[in-house]
Amino acid sequence: MGAFDDYRLDDQIGYILRRVTQRHLSIFAALIPEVTTTQFAVLARLAEVGPLSQNHLGRATAMDAATIKGVVDRLARLGYVATTADPDDRRRLTVTLTAAGTALFADRTATALQVSDQTLAPLTGTERQSLLDLLSRLT
């Protein structure tokens, strides 16, 4: 067997993170059905810092250019964000929360905190903080 004995799927970080992510996404979808986690991240970042260029918004939410474009397009179709051309560079789009986007974020913030709490439910308070600290070091 050799190398096959050394590799156990259930012990691999990528596999474990994917399973945790799947659990988190399931909890999120059940409690916040209006948007996806990536869409909510955009709403959260815009609520936190205000209007951003689409490019900067992608960097600020850890999304590549193609992903952020799709997320912004879907949020715009839903009426949660608006895009305008930058007057200094017509190729650059500025993304802004709409009144509907602001209201949704405000209405769902407490629920989003519950999603995080449910995701981390099997852990003690100290374990939760340790996990978040350790994962933050990996980013």
C-alpha atoms as a PDB file:
ATOM      1  CA  MET A   1       0.000   0.000   0.000  1.00  0.00           C
ATOM      2  CA  GLY A   2       2.717   2.559   0.916  1.00  0.00           C
ATOM      3  CA  ALA A   3       1.557   6.112   0.189  1.00  0.00           C
ATOM      4  CA  PHE A   4      -2.070   5.018   0.315  1.00  0.00           C
ATOM      5  CA  ASP A   5      -1.677   4.291   4.028  1.00  0.00           C
ATOM      6  CA  ASP A   6      -0.561   7.878   4.715  1.00  0.00           C
ATOM      7  CA  TYR A   7      -3.506   9.632   3.147  1.00  0.00           C
ATOM      8  CA  ARG A   8      -6.877   9.544   4.869  1.00  0.00           C
ATOM      9  CA  LEU A   9      -9.469  11.849   3.309  1.00  0.00           C
ATOM     10  CA  ASP A  10     -11.227  12.566   6.608  1.00  0.00           C
ATOM     11  CA  ASP A  11      -7.956  14.022   7.992  1.00  0.00           C
ATOM     12  CA  GLN A  12      -7.345  16.492   5.141  1.00  0.00           C
ATOM     13  CA  ILE A  13      -7.851  20.204   5.814  1.00  0.00           C
ATOM     14  CA  GLY A  14      -9.465  20.881   2.434  1.00  0.00           C
ATOM     15  CA  TYR A  15     -12.008  18.130   2.922  1.00  0.00           C
ATOM     16  CA  ILE A  16     -12.821  19.268   6.465  1.00  0.00           C
ATOM     17  CA  LEU A  17     -13.149  22.922   5.400  1.00  0.00           C
ATOM     18  CA  ARG A  18     -15.423  21.935   2.508  1.00  0.00           C
ATOM     19  CA  ARG A  19     -17.696  19.963   4.833  1.00  0.00           C
ATOM     20  CA  VAL A  20     -17.849  22.859   7.316  1.00  0.00           C
ATOM     21  CA  THR A  21     -18.573  25.238   4.428  1.00  0.00           C
ATOM     22  CA  GLN A  22     -21.382  22.997   3.189  1.00  0.00           C
ATOM     23  CA  ARG A  23     -22.885  22.970   6.688  1.00  0.00           C
ATOM     24  CA  HIS A  24     -22.591  26.754   6.957  1.00  0.00           C
ATOM     25  CA  LEU A  25     -24.132  27.302   3.501  1.00  0.00           C
ATOM     26  CA  SER A  26     -27.056  25.048   4.402  1.00  0.00           C
ATOM     27  CA  ILE A  27     -27.726  26.964   7.623  1.00  0.00           C
ATOM     28  CA  PHE A  28     -27.390  30.297   5.799  1.00  0.00           C
ATOM     29  CA  ALA A  29     -29.763  29.287   2.991  1.00  0.00           C
ATOM     30  CA  ALA A  30     -32.382  28.121   5.491  1.00  0.00           C
ATOM     31  CA  LEU A  31     -32.276  31.345   7.508  1.00  0.00           C
ATOM     32  CA  ILE A  32     -31.538  33.937   4.794  1.00  0.00           C
ATOM     33  CA  PRO A  33     -33.156  32.688   1.581  1.00  0.00           C
ATOM     34  CA  GLU A  34     -33.170  36.068  -0.186  1.00  0.00           C
ATOM     35  CA  VAL A  35     -29.466  36.053  -1.082  1.00  0.00           C
ATOM     36  CA  THR A  36     -26.419  33.797  -1.149  1.00  0.00           C
ATOM     37  CA  THR A  37     -23.500  34.064   1.249  1.00  0.00           C
ATOM     38  CA  THR A  38     -21.383  35.817  -1.388  1.00  0.00           C
ATOM     39  CA  GLN A  39     -24.194  38.258  -2.143  1.00  0.00           C
ATOM     40  CA  PHE A  40     -24.598  38.957   1.577  1.00  0.00           C
ATOM     41  CA  ALA A  41     -20.848  39.551   1.860  1.00  0.00           C
ATOM     42  CA  VAL A  42     -21.144  42.268  -0.794  1.00  0.00           C
ATOM     43  CA  LEU A  43     -24.059  43.880   1.039  1.00  0.00           C
ATOM     44  CA  ALA A  44     -22.103  43.726   4.302  1.00  0.00           C
ATOM     45  CA  ARG A  45     -18.956  45.284   2.835  1.00  0.00           C
ATOM     46  CA  LEU A  46     -20.905  48.076   1.135  1.00  0.00           C
ATOM     47  CA  ALA A  47     -22.816  48.748   4.377  1.00  0.00           C
ATOM     48  CA  GLU A  48     -19.496  48.873   6.218  1.00  0.00           C
ATOM     49  CA  VAL A  49     -17.471  51.129   3.899  1.00  0.00           C
ATOM     50  CA  GLY A  50     -19.908  52.720   1.440  1.00  0.00           C
ATOM     51  CA  PRO A  51     -19.778  52.758  -2.369  1.00  0.00           C
ATOM     52  CA  LEU A  52     -16.799  51.025  -3.981  1.00  0.00           C
ATOM     53  CA  SER A  53     -15.575  50.380  -7.477  1.00  0.00           C
ATOM     54  CA  GLN A  54     -16.545  46.896  -8.600  1.00  0.00           C
ATOM     55  CA  ASN A  55     -12.850  45.976  -8.760  1.00  0.00           C
ATOM     56  CA  HIS A  56     -12.142  47.201  -5.227  1.00  0.00           C
ATOM     57  CA  LEU A  57     -15.329  45.532  -3.967  1.00  0.00           C
ATOM     58  CA  GLY A  58     -14.099  42.231  -5.380  1.00  0.00           C
ATOM     59  CA  ARG A  59     -10.801  42.577  -3.533  1.00  0.00           C
ATOM     60  CA  ALA A  60     -12.596  43.673  -0.353  1.00  0.00           C
ATOM     61  CA  THR A  61     -14.779  40.539  -0.423  1.00  0.00           C
ATOM     62  CA  ALA A  62     -12.090  38.085  -1.634  1.00  0.00           C
ATOM     63  CA  MET A  63     -13.748  37.501  -5.021  1.00  0.00           C
ATOM     64  CA  ASP A  64     -12.075  37.419  -8.417  1.00  0.00           C
ATOM     65  CA  ALA A  65     -13.180  39.797 -11.184  1.00  0.00           C
ATOM     66  CA  ALA A  66     -15.550  37.341 -12.871  1.00  0.00           C
ATOM     67  CA  THR A  67     -17.190  36.314  -9.599  1.00  0.00           C
ATOM     68  CA  ILE A  68     -17.753  39.843  -8.318  1.00  0.00           C
ATOM     69  CA  LYS A  69     -19.204  40.875 -11.679  1.00  0.00           C
ATOM     70  CA  GLY A  70     -21.755  38.051 -11.514  1.00  0.00           C
ATOM     71  CA  VAL A  71     -22.613  38.762  -7.885  1.00  0.00           C
ATOM     72  CA  VAL A  72     -23.066  42.494  -8.533  1.00  0.00           C
ATOM     73  CA  ASP A  73     -25.152  41.809 -11.645  1.00  0.00           C
ATOM     74  CA  ARG A  74     -27.470  39.490  -9.686  1.00  0.00           C
ATOM     75  CA  LEU A  75     -27.767  41.930  -6.778  1.00  0.00           C
ATOM     76  CA  ALA A  76     -28.559  44.737  -9.228  1.00  0.00           C
ATOM     77  CA  ARG A  77     -31.290  42.614 -10.860  1.00  0.00           C
ATOM     78  CA  LEU A  78     -32.713  41.993  -7.370  1.00  0.00           C
ATOM     79  CA  GLY A  79     -32.649  45.735  -6.698  1.00  0.00           C
ATOM     80  CA  TYR A  80     -30.190  45.554  -3.787  1.00  0.00           C
ATOM     81  CA  VAL A  81     -27.328  47.473  -5.422  1.00  0.00           C
ATOM     82  CA  ALA A  82     -26.981  50.043  -8.171  1.00  0.00           C
ATOM     83  CA  THR A  83     -24.012  50.584 -10.450  1.00  0.00           C
ATOM     84  CA  THR A  84     -22.905  53.839 -12.021  1.00  0.00           C
ATOM     85  CA  ALA A  85     -20.045  54.653 -14.328  1.00  0.00           C
ATOM     86  CA  ASP A  86     -17.191  56.527 -12.685  1.00  0.00           C
ATOM     87  CA  PRO A  87     -17.166  60.075 -14.141  1.00  0.00           C
ATOM     88  CA  ASP A  88     -13.346  60.000 -14.334  1.00  0.00           C
ATOM     89  CA  ASP A  89     -13.111  56.542 -15.915  1.00  0.00           C
ATOM     90  CA  ARG A  90     -16.223  55.331 -17.756  1.00  0.00           C
ATOM     91  CA  ARG A  91     -14.836  51.769 -17.740  1.00  0.00           C
ATOM     92  CA  ARG A  92     -14.969  51.670 -13.926  1.00  0.00           C
ATOM     93  CA  LEU A  93     -18.271  50.874 -12.212  1.00  0.00           C
ATOM     94  CA  THR A  94     -19.114  52.159  -8.757  1.00  0.00           C
ATOM     95  CA  VAL A  95     -21.376  49.871  -6.740  1.00  0.00           C
ATOM     96  CA  THR A  96     -23.759  51.362  -4.169  1.00  0.00           C
ATOM     97  CA  LEU A  97     -26.347  49.856  -1.855  1.00  0.00           C
ATOM     98  CA  THR A  98     -29.911  50.784  -2.730  1.00  0.00           C
ATOM     99  CA  ALA A  99     -32.567  51.498  -0.124  1.00  0.00           C
ATOM    100  CA  ALA A 100     -33.772  47.899  -0.592  1.00  0.00           C
ATOM    101  CA  GLY A 101     -30.229  46.555  -0.115  1.00  0.00           C
ATOM    102  CA  THR A 102     -29.724  48.648   2.995  1.00  0.00           C
ATOM    103  CA  ALA A 103     -33.055  47.460   4.396  1.00  0.00           C
ATOM    104  CA  LEU A 104     -32.313  43.797   3.660  1.00  0.00           C
ATOM    105  CA  PHE A 105     -28.897  44.014   5.284  1.00  0.00           C
ATOM    106  CA  ALA A 106     -30.331  45.777   8.340  1.00  0.00           C
ATOM    107  CA  ASP A 107     -33.185  43.260   8.594  1.00  0.00           C
ATOM    108  CA  ARG A 108     -30.893  40.221   8.251  1.00  0.00           C
ATOM    109  CA  THR A 109     -27.826  41.236  10.281  1.00  0.00           C
ATOM    110  CA  ALA A 110     -29.077  39.610  13.490  1.00  0.00           C
ATOM    111  CA  THR A 111     -30.015  36.493  11.531  1.00  0.00           C
ATOM    112  CA  ALA A 112     -26.548  36.408   9.937  1.00  0.00           C
ATOM    113  CA  LEU A 113     -25.039  36.444  13.418  1.00  0.00           C
ATOM    114  CA  GLN A 114     -27.319  33.500  14.285  1.00  0.00           C
ATOM    115  CA  VAL A 115     -25.993  31.656  11.208  1.00  0.00           C
ATOM    116  CA  SER A 116     -22.442  32.062  12.509  1.00  0.00           C
ATOM    117  CA  ASP A 117     -23.545  31.012  15.969  1.00  0.00           C
ATOM    118  CA  GLN A 118     -25.256  27.877  14.621  1.00  0.00           C
ATOM    119  CA  THR A 119     -22.253  27.025  12.468  1.00  0.00           C
ATOM    120  CA  LEU A 120     -20.004  27.198  15.532  1.00  0.00           C
ATOM    121  CA  ALA A 121     -22.573  25.635  17.904  1.00  0.00           C
ATOM    122  CA  PRO A 122     -20.608  22.434  18.610  1.00  0.00           C
ATOM    123  CA  LEU A 123     -17.725  24.506  20.050  1.00  0.00           C
ATOM    124  CA  THR A 124     -17.284  26.265  23.377  1.00  0.00           C
ATOM    125  CA  GLY A 125     -16.686  30.011  23.422  1.00  0.00           C
ATOM    126  CA  THR A 126     -12.950  29.507  23.861  1.00  0.00           C
ATOM    127  CA  GLU A 127     -12.848  26.931  21.062  1.00  0.00           C
ATOM    128  CA  ARG A 128     -14.760  29.268  18.760  1.00  0.00           C
ATOM    129  CA  GLN A 129     -12.284  32.084  19.299  1.00  0.00           C
ATOM    130  CA  SER A 130      -9.319  29.735  18.875  1.00  0.00           C
ATOM    131  CA  LEU A 131     -10.737  28.380  15.613  1.00  0.00           C
ATOM    132  CA  LEU A 132     -11.386  31.863  14.227  1.00  0.00           C
ATOM    133  CA  ASP A 133      -7.899  33.026  15.275  1.00  0.00           C
ATOM    134  CA  LEU A 134      -6.224  29.998  13.677  1.00  0.00           C
ATOM    135  CA  LEU A 135      -8.229  30.227  10.452  1.00  0.00           C
ATOM    136  CA  SER A 136      -7.482  33.950  10.209  1.00  0.00           C
ATOM    137  CA  ARG A 137      -3.778  33.132  10.256  1.00  0.00           C
ATOM    138  CA  LEU A 138      -4.264  30.931   7.176  1.00  0.00           C
ATOM    139  CA  THR A 139      -5.777  33.688   5.031  1.00  0.00           C
END
